[in-house]
Amino acid sequence: METIDTVEAFRAAADAHEGFAASALACALGAAVDGLRSVSTGVSDYRALDETTLLSLNTLTAEAARLTQTHAALIAGEIARRSAPELGSQGLAQRAGHRNAENFVKVTTGSSGRQATTAVRAGLLMAEMADEGSLDTVTGEVFTPSQPWLREITSALTAGEISVEAADAISFNLGLPNSAVTGEQLGALATELCDAARVRPDGIAGMDVDHLVKMTRMRREELDLEGVKLREDEQYEARAYKLIELPTGAGRLILELDPESMVLVKQTIHRAVSPKLRTVRFFDPTEKVKAETILADTRTPAQLGFDAIIQLLLLGAAANPGFLMGSGAPQIRVTTTLKALQSADGIVRVEGSSALMSMRTLKRLQCSGGVTALIFDENLLPLDVGREHRLFTTQQRTALAVKWGGCAIEGCDAEVSWTEAHHIDEWAAENGKTNVADGILLCKPHHLLIHNNGWHINRNDQGDYWLVPPPSVDPDQTPRLLQPKTGNMRDLRNEQQAGPEPPRGE
């Protein structure tokens, strides 16, 4: 197939093969392309514009894009007509070495598969409407379009009043007539939606495509209430998850949510990150403080939402472990050696994953029981590293909750349910003991800070806990006193300082 590289060559080919009408069309499009090429693309020229001119150009380029898309769709539709499946290898697309018209348009225009499919659908729709009323020379039948309720859409698209994407959004999501919805009803709805998408007299576009899709689906469902029930059943049956492990050992979780679950998940995440997303006024002082803490959090809304989901999964598993197969909360099984465990740079292998784990992550997870470590000696024999109890028991967690009332770090308002128990002396490397005195509650971000960034927590003989920063943060490593969030410890100390109560009289 001969390749046409330039507008001039296209004009010559049109003059030679397609006659006067095609030549006029080629010349008109060629002139439009030449006109656009003559417009400056210098950033400095646009930067020098006043706002009124800039907005005017924005409107003009939007109109140019709509008109260009319409012509591109007409061409794509004609390519599809000449590549009809019944033509087989003699069709235009296959003769050019492409599977079908969509692939031909995608490759030759550099567009995406979705854009090519949209252009072909819109082009075929316009062509079908244009043939309405024509006489088939073979059968003698008058041609009737298969979707007559879309006449207004093709009319507005041909006139450049709506974009190809808007036309496709309406026609695709409007659906077909059924026992509950007639073609006339769909035609009236198509006209209504087309008016919403149509460019206004001042040149500003109507409803954007994203909202148009939602509006079209909603208005169609309003006409077919029985169909809503069927859709709900279908979407509920289609609920699913896909867990993809990446070559790096990280992963991607994809959830197919039915509408009800989508609302619940969206509301839950938004409650966790809402102060990050928008300004919210809180009249409850407690909620206001919590919102201000979230705003001050350095995590992005996406990271905050992710952490909330993981925390909710862990809380749910711990609250009702009998719901899951096996017992207890999820566990990560890893293997390492005693020598590696005593080293800051040791390697830990994760069971069921190609990923390696850093020693700092293992030591953090050992605090909260999120990991089961199988430790071997230099002869690869299983090794018992000593103490019988490594994890804090339920009773000890309760005692820590009463003692600390939440994350121990000053300024953090993470509640007890969002915290992890931390050994102030590492359980394996520093011979730390699993008891309430050597335990402290930390939220996950602060737990990560302690293990990953060189911070440390000390306890003196008086029972005070001090947070010691690394030299990179404070060269003097000045300890910072940690105060429990509850008054229980103060009450106990006051009683100790007051001494024993005098004996009561008979």
Protein backbone atom coordinates (compact mmCIF):
# COMPACT_ATOMS: atom_id res chain seq x y z
CA MET A 1 0.00 0.00 0.00
CA GLU A 2 1.34 3.41 -0.98
CA THR A 3 2.19 5.69 1.96
CA ILE A 4 1.19 9.36 1.81
CA ASP A 5 3.60 11.46 3.88
CA THR A 6 2.67 15.08 3.18
CA VAL A 7 -0.38 17.23 2.62
CA GLU A 8 0.92 18.11 -0.84
CA ALA A 9 1.20 14.42 -1.79
CA PHE A 10 -2.29 13.83 -0.38
CA ARG A 11 -3.66 16.63 -2.56
CA ALA A 12 -1.96 15.20 -5.62
CA ALA A 13 -3.32 11.72 -4.91
CA ALA A 14 -6.80 13.14 -4.43
CA ASP A 15 -6.61 15.03 -7.73
CA ALA A 16 -5.46 11.90 -9.54
CA HIS A 17 -7.76 9.28 -8.04
CA GLU A 18 -10.75 10.70 -6.20
CA GLY A 19 -12.17 13.42 -8.40
CA PHE A 20 -13.09 17.02 -7.69
CA ALA A 21 -15.05 16.46 -4.43
CA ALA A 22 -12.24 14.53 -2.81
CA SER A 23 -9.73 17.07 -4.08
CA ALA A 24 -11.72 19.91 -2.51
CA LEU A 25 -11.94 18.03 0.78
CA ALA A 26 -8.20 17.30 0.77
CA CYS A 27 -7.40 20.92 -0.05
CA ALA A 28 -9.68 22.22 2.71
CA LEU A 29 -8.19 19.92 5.34
CA GLY A 30 -4.71 20.63 4.06
CA ALA A 31 -5.32 24.36 4.36
CA ALA A 32 -6.57 23.86 7.93
CA VAL A 33 -3.42 21.94 8.79
CA ASP A 34 -1.26 24.61 7.17
CA GLY A 35 -3.11 27.23 9.18
CA LEU A 36 -2.44 25.46 12.45
CA ARG A 37 1.21 24.96 11.52
CA SER A 38 1.54 28.71 11.02
CA VAL A 39 0.38 29.43 14.59
CA SER A 40 3.26 29.98 16.99
CA THR A 41 4.10 27.25 19.48
CA GLY A 42 6.59 29.39 21.38
CA VAL A 43 6.02 29.22 25.12
CA SER A 44 7.05 32.85 25.49
CA ASP A 45 4.26 33.96 23.11
CA TYR A 46 1.62 32.28 25.27
CA ARG A 47 3.21 33.48 28.46
CA ALA A 48 2.89 37.08 27.20
CA LEU A 49 -0.88 36.82 26.71
CA ASP A 50 -3.33 38.66 28.92
CA GLU A 51 -5.95 36.48 30.63
CA THR A 52 -8.81 37.47 28.32
CA THR A 53 -6.86 36.46 25.23
CA LEU A 54 -5.62 33.28 26.89
CA LEU A 55 -9.17 32.18 27.71
CA SER A 56 -10.31 33.04 24.19
CA LEU A 57 -7.57 30.86 22.75
CA ASN A 58 -8.61 28.08 25.10
CA THR A 59 -12.13 28.23 23.62
CA LEU A 60 -10.79 28.35 20.06
CA THR A 61 -8.51 25.34 20.49
CA ALA A 62 -11.38 23.39 22.07
CA GLU A 63 -13.50 24.11 18.99
CA ALA A 64 -10.63 23.16 16.68
CA ALA A 65 -10.21 19.88 18.59
CA ARG A 66 -13.94 19.07 18.34
CA LEU A 67 -14.01 19.73 14.60
CA THR A 68 -10.83 17.75 14.04
CA GLN A 69 -12.23 14.84 16.05
CA THR A 70 -15.39 14.86 13.94
CA HIS A 71 -13.40 14.64 10.69
CA ALA A 72 -11.17 11.95 12.20
CA ALA A 73 -14.27 9.95 13.20
CA LEU A 74 -15.76 10.27 9.71
CA ILE A 75 -12.51 8.98 8.23
CA ALA A 76 -12.30 6.17 10.82
CA GLY A 77 -15.88 5.19 10.05
CA GLU A 78 -15.15 5.01 6.33
CA ILE A 79 -12.02 2.96 6.96
CA ALA A 80 -14.19 0.60 9.05
CA ARG A 81 -16.78 0.37 6.26
CA ARG A 82 -14.07 -0.55 3.79
CA SER A 83 -12.66 -3.06 6.29
CA ALA A 84 -15.93 -4.87 7.07
CA PRO A 85 -15.41 -8.45 8.34
CA GLU A 86 -17.29 -9.90 5.35
CA LEU A 87 -14.60 -8.47 3.04
CA GLY A 88 -11.99 -10.67 4.68
CA SER A 89 -8.45 -10.24 3.42
CA GLN A 90 -9.69 -7.86 0.72
CA GLY A 91 -10.73 -5.30 3.32
CA LEU A 92 -8.72 -2.10 3.62
CA ALA A 93 -7.33 -2.80 7.08
CA GLN A 94 -6.16 -6.36 6.32
CA ARG A 95 -4.64 -5.34 2.99
CA ALA A 96 -2.60 -2.79 4.95
CA GLY A 97 -1.45 -5.49 7.37
CA HIS A 98 -3.77 -4.73 10.31
CA ARG A 99 -6.24 -7.02 12.09
CA ASN A 100 -9.19 -4.66 11.88
CA ALA A 101 -10.17 -1.04 11.39
CA GLU A 102 -9.59 -0.11 15.06
CA ASN A 103 -6.02 -1.41 14.93
CA PHE A 104 -5.45 0.37 11.59
CA VAL A 105 -6.63 3.70 13.04
CA LYS A 106 -4.62 3.24 16.25
CA VAL A 107 -1.36 2.49 14.47
CA THR A 108 -1.64 5.06 11.68
CA THR A 109 -2.73 7.92 13.96
CA GLY A 110 -0.67 7.08 17.04
CA SER A 111 -3.78 7.07 19.22
CA SER A 112 -4.70 4.69 22.03
CA GLY A 113 -6.88 1.65 21.49
CA ARG A 114 -9.73 3.33 23.36
CA GLN A 115 -9.49 6.49 21.24
CA ALA A 116 -9.44 4.46 18.01
CA THR A 117 -12.46 2.40 19.05
CA THR A 118 -14.38 5.56 20.01
CA ALA A 119 -13.59 7.18 16.65
CA VAL A 120 -14.68 4.10 14.69
CA ARG A 121 -17.94 3.80 16.64
CA ALA A 122 -18.76 7.48 16.15
CA GLY A 123 -17.84 7.37 12.47
CA LEU A 124 -20.00 4.32 11.77
CA LEU A 125 -22.90 5.93 13.63
CA MET A 126 -22.69 9.11 11.54
CA ALA A 127 -22.42 7.06 8.33
CA GLU A 128 -25.46 4.97 9.27
CA MET A 129 -27.57 8.03 9.95
CA ALA A 130 -26.45 9.59 6.69
CA ASP A 131 -27.70 6.50 4.79
CA GLU A 132 -31.17 6.71 6.36
CA GLY A 133 -33.84 6.67 3.67
CA SER A 134 -31.49 5.55 0.91
CA LEU A 135 -32.59 2.76 -1.46
CA ASP A 136 -30.70 -0.52 -1.59
CA THR A 137 -30.16 -1.14 -5.33
CA VAL A 138 -30.04 -4.91 -4.81
CA THR A 139 -33.02 -5.54 -2.53
CA GLY A 140 -35.00 -2.39 -3.23
CA GLU A 141 -35.42 -1.84 0.52
CA VAL A 142 -35.24 1.56 2.16
CA PHE A 143 -32.38 1.68 4.65
CA THR A 144 -33.35 2.22 8.30
CA PRO A 145 -30.65 2.91 10.94
CA SER A 146 -30.34 0.36 13.72
CA GLN A 147 -30.39 3.04 16.45
CA PRO A 148 -32.76 5.76 15.26
CA TRP A 149 -33.02 7.21 18.79
CA LEU A 150 -29.48 8.58 18.37
CA ARG A 151 -30.33 10.96 15.49
CA GLU A 152 -29.90 14.10 17.61
CA ILE A 153 -26.47 12.96 18.76
CA THR A 154 -25.15 12.43 15.23
CA SER A 155 -26.65 15.74 14.14
CA ALA A 156 -24.88 17.64 16.94
CA LEU A 157 -21.64 15.73 16.34
CA THR A 158 -21.64 16.44 12.61
CA ALA A 159 -22.18 20.14 13.33
CA GLY A 160 -19.26 20.19 15.76
CA GLU A 161 -21.52 21.09 18.67
CA ILE A 162 -20.43 18.15 20.83
CA SER A 163 -17.20 16.20 20.96
CA VAL A 164 -16.71 12.65 19.71
CA GLU A 165 -16.11 11.54 23.32
CA ALA A 166 -19.38 13.15 24.44
CA ALA A 167 -21.33 11.53 21.60
CA ASP A 168 -19.84 8.13 22.39
CA ALA A 169 -20.46 8.54 26.12
CA ILE A 170 -24.17 9.12 25.50
CA SER A 171 -24.72 6.53 22.78
CA PHE A 172 -22.72 3.78 24.50
CA ASN A 173 -24.22 4.24 27.98
CA LEU A 174 -27.78 4.89 26.83
CA GLY A 175 -28.22 1.24 25.96
CA LEU A 176 -30.94 -0.40 23.91
CA PRO A 177 -34.74 -0.45 24.20
CA ASN A 178 -36.29 -3.29 26.16
CA SER A 179 -39.67 -4.28 27.57
CA ALA A 180 -39.54 -1.35 30.02
CA VAL A 181 -37.99 1.40 27.88
CA THR A 182 -39.06 2.30 24.32
CA GLY A 183 -36.94 3.72 21.53
CA GLU A 184 -38.95 6.96 21.71
CA GLN A 185 -38.06 7.35 25.39
CA LEU A 186 -34.39 6.80 24.60
CA GLY A 187 -34.61 9.34 21.79
CA ALA A 188 -36.03 11.97 24.13
CA LEU A 189 -33.35 11.18 26.71
CA ALA A 190 -30.62 11.35 24.05
CA THR A 191 -31.83 14.83 23.07
CA GLU A 192 -31.83 15.95 26.71
CA LEU A 193 -28.30 14.68 27.28
CA CYS A 194 -27.10 16.09 23.98
CA ASP A 195 -28.35 19.52 25.04
CA ALA A 196 -26.41 19.18 28.30
CA ALA A 197 -23.21 18.40 26.38
CA ARG A 198 -23.69 20.97 23.60
CA VAL A 199 -21.34 23.94 23.40
CA ARG A 200 -22.92 27.11 24.80
CA PRO A 201 -23.35 30.26 22.70
CA ASP A 202 -20.34 31.83 24.42
CA GLY A 203 -18.16 28.96 23.14
CA ILE A 204 -17.75 27.25 26.51
CA ALA A 205 -18.23 23.48 26.42
CA GLY A 206 -21.22 21.90 28.09
CA MET A 207 -21.13 19.00 30.56
CA ASP A 208 -17.76 17.24 30.61
CA VAL A 209 -17.52 13.61 29.52
CA ASP A 210 -16.96 12.13 33.01
CA HIS A 211 -20.14 13.71 34.37
CA LEU A 212 -21.97 12.91 31.14
CA VAL A 213 -21.27 9.19 31.58
CA LYS A 214 -22.66 9.26 35.12
CA MET A 215 -25.66 11.33 34.09
CA THR A 216 -26.49 9.05 31.15
CA ARG A 217 -26.38 5.91 33.28
CA MET A 218 -28.42 7.49 36.04
CA ARG A 219 -31.12 8.81 33.67
CA ARG A 220 -31.35 5.46 31.87
CA GLU A 221 -31.80 3.65 35.19
CA GLU A 222 -34.55 6.09 36.17
CA LEU A 223 -36.48 4.86 33.13
CA ASP A 224 -35.89 1.21 33.97
CA LEU A 225 -36.22 0.62 37.72
CA GLU A 226 -36.46 -3.14 37.26
CA GLY A 227 -33.13 -2.99 35.48
CA VAL A 228 -31.59 -1.38 38.56
CA LYS A 229 -32.32 -4.51 40.58
CA LEU A 230 -30.81 -6.71 37.89
CA ARG A 231 -27.71 -4.51 37.73
CA GLU A 232 -27.29 -4.67 41.49
CA ASP A 233 -27.49 -8.46 41.43
CA GLU A 234 -25.01 -8.66 38.55
CA GLN A 235 -22.52 -6.31 40.19
CA TYR A 236 -22.77 -8.10 43.51
CA GLU A 237 -22.14 -11.45 41.82
CA ALA A 238 -19.16 -9.92 40.01
CA ARG A 239 -17.45 -8.80 43.23
CA ALA A 240 -13.89 -10.07 43.31
CA TYR A 241 -10.32 -9.32 44.22
CA LYS A 242 -7.03 -9.79 42.42
CA LEU A 243 -3.72 -9.85 44.27
CA ILE A 244 -0.75 -9.38 41.94
CA GLU A 245 2.78 -9.95 43.20
CA LEU A 246 5.28 -7.78 41.33
CA PRO A 247 8.83 -8.94 40.48
CA THR A 248 10.15 -6.58 43.16
CA GLY A 249 8.26 -8.47 45.88
CA ALA A 250 5.80 -5.58 46.25
CA GLY A 251 2.22 -6.09 45.14
CA ARG A 252 -0.97 -4.61 43.78
CA LEU A 253 -4.46 -5.32 45.16
CA ILE A 254 -7.39 -4.75 42.83
CA LEU A 255 -10.94 -4.90 44.18
CA GLU A 256 -14.06 -5.18 42.03
CA LEU A 257 -16.62 -3.49 44.29
CA ASP A 258 -20.38 -3.52 43.96
CA PRO A 259 -21.93 -0.04 44.46
CA GLU A 260 -22.84 -0.62 48.11
CA SER A 261 -19.33 -1.79 49.00
CA MET A 262 -17.88 1.07 46.97
CA VAL A 263 -19.77 3.62 49.07
CA LEU A 264 -18.66 1.99 52.32
CA VAL A 265 -15.01 1.82 51.27
CA LYS A 266 -15.04 5.36 49.90
CA GLN A 267 -16.60 6.80 53.05
CA THR A 268 -14.18 4.90 55.29
CA ILE A 269 -11.13 6.15 53.40
CA HIS A 270 -12.47 9.69 53.12
CA ARG A 271 -13.04 9.81 56.88
CA ALA A 272 -9.38 8.90 57.36
CA VAL A 273 -8.02 11.50 54.93
CA SER A 274 -10.75 14.17 54.69
CA PRO A 275 -8.78 16.96 56.41
CA LYS A 276 -6.04 16.37 53.83
CA LEU A 277 -8.45 16.65 50.93
CA ARG A 278 -10.48 19.69 51.89
CA THR A 279 -11.07 22.20 54.65
CA VAL A 280 -13.52 20.82 57.19
CA ARG A 281 -15.03 22.76 60.10
CA PHE A 282 -15.26 20.79 63.33
CA PHE A 283 -17.31 22.04 66.25
CA ASP A 284 -16.33 19.13 68.48
CA PRO A 285 -12.95 20.10 70.05
CA THR A 286 -11.80 16.47 70.00
CA GLU A 287 -12.51 16.13 66.29
CA LYS A 288 -10.82 19.47 65.61
CA VAL A 289 -7.62 18.35 67.32
CA LYS A 290 -7.69 15.08 65.42
CA ALA A 291 -8.17 16.91 62.10
CA GLU A 292 -5.27 19.25 62.85
CA THR A 293 -3.06 16.23 63.62
CA ILE A 294 -3.97 14.64 60.29
CA LEU A 295 -3.19 17.89 58.48
CA ALA A 296 0.21 18.02 60.16
CA ASP A 297 0.93 14.41 59.18
CA THR A 298 3.60 14.28 56.47
CA ARG A 299 1.93 11.36 54.71
CA THR A 300 0.07 12.06 51.46
CA PRO A 301 -3.68 11.40 51.28
CA ALA A 302 -2.95 8.26 49.25
CA GLN A 303 -0.48 6.99 51.85
CA LEU A 304 -2.81 7.86 54.71
CA GLY A 305 -5.69 6.02 53.04
CA PHE A 306 -3.49 3.00 52.36
CA ASP A 307 -2.33 2.83 55.99
CA ALA A 308 -5.94 3.09 57.15
CA ILE A 309 -6.97 0.11 54.97
CA ILE A 310 -4.11 -2.07 56.20
CA GLN A 311 -4.78 -1.13 59.82
CA LEU A 312 -8.48 -1.95 59.46
CA LEU A 313 -7.62 -5.36 57.98
CA LEU A 314 -5.30 -6.15 60.88
CA LEU A 315 -7.78 -4.88 63.47
CA GLY A 316 -10.54 -6.97 61.95
CA ALA A 317 -8.39 -10.09 61.88
CA ALA A 318 -7.36 -9.59 65.51
CA ALA A 319 -10.90 -8.81 66.68
CA ASN A 320 -12.43 -11.90 65.08
CA PRO A 321 -9.65 -14.37 64.32
CA GLY A 322 -12.12 -17.24 64.11
CA PHE A 323 -13.48 -15.76 60.86
CA LEU A 324 -10.22 -16.68 59.10
CA MET A 325 -8.90 -20.17 58.44
CA GLY A 326 -6.38 -21.08 61.13
CA SER A 327 -6.03 -19.09 64.31
CA GLY A 328 -4.83 -15.65 65.24
CA ALA A 329 -4.00 -12.66 63.09
CA PRO A 330 -2.05 -12.99 59.81
CA GLN A 331 1.61 -13.88 60.22
CA ILE A 332 4.65 -13.31 58.03
CA ARG A 333 7.08 -16.26 58.16
CA VAL A 334 10.72 -15.41 57.56
CA THR A 335 14.06 -17.22 57.82
CA THR A 336 17.36 -15.76 58.94
CA THR A 337 20.50 -16.64 60.89
CA LEU A 338 21.49 -15.64 64.38
CA LYS A 339 24.52 -13.79 63.00
CA ALA A 340 22.30 -11.82 60.62
CA LEU A 341 19.83 -11.12 63.44
CA GLN A 342 22.60 -9.51 65.48
CA SER A 343 23.68 -7.39 62.52
CA ALA A 344 22.06 -4.19 61.35
CA ASP A 345 22.54 -5.20 57.71
CA GLY A 346 21.50 -8.84 57.85
CA ILE A 347 19.28 -10.43 55.19
CA VAL A 348 15.86 -11.92 55.94
CA ARG A 349 14.01 -14.12 53.45
CA VAL A 350 10.22 -14.02 53.33
CA GLU A 351 8.33 -17.27 52.91
CA GLY A 352 6.06 -17.28 49.86
CA SER A 353 7.70 -14.24 48.29
CA SER A 354 10.75 -13.49 46.20
CA ALA A 355 11.30 -10.32 48.24
CA LEU A 356 14.02 -9.90 50.84
CA MET A 357 13.26 -8.10 54.10
CA SER A 358 15.60 -5.73 55.88
CA MET A 359 16.65 -6.47 59.43
CA ARG A 360 15.13 -3.23 60.70
CA THR A 361 11.70 -4.30 59.39
CA LEU A 362 12.02 -7.71 61.00
CA LYS A 363 12.91 -6.15 64.36
CA ARG A 364 9.92 -3.82 64.16
CA LEU A 365 7.53 -6.65 63.28
CA GLN A 366 8.92 -8.79 66.10
CA CYS A 367 7.60 -6.22 68.56
CA SER A 368 3.98 -6.63 67.53
CA GLY A 369 3.96 -10.30 66.59
CA GLY A 370 3.39 -9.60 62.92
CA VAL A 371 6.14 -12.06 62.00
CA THR A 372 7.27 -15.58 62.86
CA ALA A 373 11.06 -15.79 62.51
CA LEU A 374 12.76 -19.14 61.99
CA ILE A 375 16.36 -18.59 63.11
CA PHE A 376 19.25 -20.90 62.18
CA ASP A 377 22.81 -21.21 63.41
CA GLU A 378 25.93 -21.32 61.20
CA ASN A 379 25.27 -25.02 60.52
CA LEU A 380 21.73 -24.25 59.29
CA LEU A 381 20.23 -25.99 62.31
CA PRO A 382 17.09 -24.46 63.88
CA LEU A 383 18.09 -22.35 66.85
CA ASP A 384 16.08 -21.44 69.97
CA VAL A 385 17.24 -17.92 70.81
CA GLY A 386 16.23 -18.05 74.45
CA ARG A 387 13.21 -16.48 76.09
CA GLU A 388 10.01 -18.43 76.16
CA HIS A 389 7.62 -15.54 75.45
CA ARG A 390 8.49 -13.02 72.76
CA LEU A 391 5.08 -11.49 72.03
CA PHE A 392 3.15 -9.34 74.43
CA THR A 393 0.15 -11.26 75.75
CA THR A 394 -3.40 -9.95 75.65
CA GLN A 395 -3.19 -9.10 79.36
CA GLN A 396 0.09 -7.24 78.85
CA ARG A 397 -1.40 -5.32 75.89
CA THR A 398 -4.28 -4.34 78.13
CA ALA A 399 -1.85 -3.15 80.80
CA LEU A 400 0.09 -1.11 78.22
CA ALA A 401 -3.16 0.41 76.99
CA VAL A 402 -4.14 1.46 80.50
CA LYS A 403 -0.65 2.78 81.13
CA TRP A 404 -0.06 4.75 77.91
CA GLY A 405 -3.53 5.45 76.49
CA GLY A 406 -2.25 5.49 72.91
CA CYS A 407 0.94 6.24 70.99
CA ALA A 408 3.60 7.39 73.46
CA ILE A 409 5.18 9.97 71.15
CA GLU A 410 4.39 13.55 72.12
CA GLY A 411 1.85 15.22 69.85
CA CYS A 412 0.55 11.95 68.36
CA ASP A 413 -3.11 11.22 69.06
CA ALA A 414 -3.20 7.66 67.65
CA GLU A 415 -5.52 5.68 69.88
CA VAL A 416 -4.68 2.33 71.48
CA SER A 417 -6.32 0.32 68.68
CA TRP A 418 -3.99 1.97 66.14
CA THR A 419 -0.78 1.18 68.02
CA GLU A 420 1.78 -1.61 68.16
CA ALA A 421 3.65 -2.82 71.23
CA HIS A 422 7.37 -2.00 71.04
CA HIS A 423 10.22 -3.56 73.03
CA ILE A 424 12.38 -0.63 74.20
CA ASP A 425 15.27 -3.10 74.10
CA GLU A 426 15.26 -5.27 70.98
CA TRP A 427 13.99 -8.70 71.91
CA ALA A 428 16.73 -10.69 70.16
CA ALA A 429 19.72 -8.40 69.63
CA GLU A 430 19.62 -6.63 73.01
CA ASN A 431 18.13 -9.35 75.20
CA GLY A 432 14.97 -7.31 75.66
CA LYS A 433 12.32 -8.70 77.96
CA THR A 434 8.67 -9.10 77.11
CA ASN A 435 7.14 -7.36 80.10
CA VAL A 436 5.06 -4.26 80.65
CA ALA A 437 7.96 -2.25 82.05
CA ASP A 438 10.01 -2.81 78.87
CA GLY A 439 7.08 -2.23 76.56
CA ILE A 440 5.63 0.93 75.05
CA LEU A 441 2.84 1.67 72.57
CA LEU A 442 3.66 3.30 69.22
CA CYS A 443 1.59 3.95 66.12
CA LYS A 444 3.02 2.39 62.95
CA PRO A 445 4.62 5.61 61.55
CA HIS A 446 6.40 6.24 64.86
CA HIS A 447 7.28 2.55 65.18
CA LEU A 448 8.90 2.82 61.76
CA LEU A 449 10.69 5.99 62.88
CA ILE A 450 12.22 4.23 65.89
CA HIS A 451 13.43 1.19 63.97
CA ASN A 452 14.41 2.80 60.66
CA ASN A 453 15.88 6.17 61.61
CA GLY A 454 18.12 5.51 64.60
CA TRP A 455 15.83 6.75 67.38
CA HIS A 456 15.88 4.93 70.71
CA ILE A 457 13.81 4.77 73.90
CA ASN A 458 15.41 4.43 77.34
CA ARG A 459 13.88 3.80 80.77
CA ASN A 460 15.55 4.99 83.98
CA ASP A 461 15.30 3.53 87.49
CA GLN A 462 12.45 5.91 88.36
CA GLY A 463 10.31 4.42 85.60
CA ASP A 464 10.57 7.43 83.26
CA TYR A 465 10.79 6.82 79.52
CA TRP A 466 13.01 9.02 77.34
CA LEU A 467 13.05 9.33 73.57
CA VAL A 468 16.61 9.77 72.29
CA PRO A 469 17.00 11.22 68.78
CA PRO A 470 19.84 10.17 66.45
CA PRO A 471 22.85 12.50 65.97
CA SER A 472 21.56 13.47 62.53
CA VAL A 473 18.52 15.07 64.20
CA ASP A 474 20.16 16.31 67.40
CA PRO A 475 23.98 16.18 67.64
CA ASP A 476 23.69 16.30 71.44
CA GLN A 477 21.04 13.54 71.44
CA THR A 478 19.08 15.32 74.16
CA PRO A 479 16.52 12.90 75.65
CA ARG A 480 12.86 13.86 75.43
CA LEU A 481 10.54 12.76 78.22
CA LEU A 482 7.59 10.64 77.10
CA GLN A 483 4.37 11.28 78.98
CA PRO A 484 1.50 8.73 79.05
CA LYS A 485 -1.76 9.99 77.51
CA THR A 486 -3.76 8.85 80.54
CA GLY A 487 -3.60 10.06 84.15
CA ASN A 488 -3.30 6.54 85.58
CA MET A 489 0.46 6.71 86.07
CA ARG A 490 0.24 10.15 87.70
CA ASP A 491 -2.35 8.82 90.12
CA LEU A 492 -0.09 5.91 91.03
CA ARG A 493 2.92 8.16 91.53
CA ASN A 494 0.96 10.56 93.70
CA GLU A 495 -0.09 7.66 95.90
CA GLN A 496 3.52 6.45 96.15
CA GLN A 497 4.80 9.91 97.09
CA ALA A 498 2.05 10.36 99.67
CA GLY A 499 3.11 7.16 101.42
CA PRO A 500 0.81 4.63 103.12
CA GLU A 501 -2.51 5.84 104.46
CA PRO A 502 -2.75 6.14 108.26
CA PRO A 503 -4.68 3.30 109.90
CA ARG A 504 -8.34 3.95 110.29
CA GLY A 505 -9.84 4.04 113.78
CA GLU A 506 -12.14 1.38 114.96
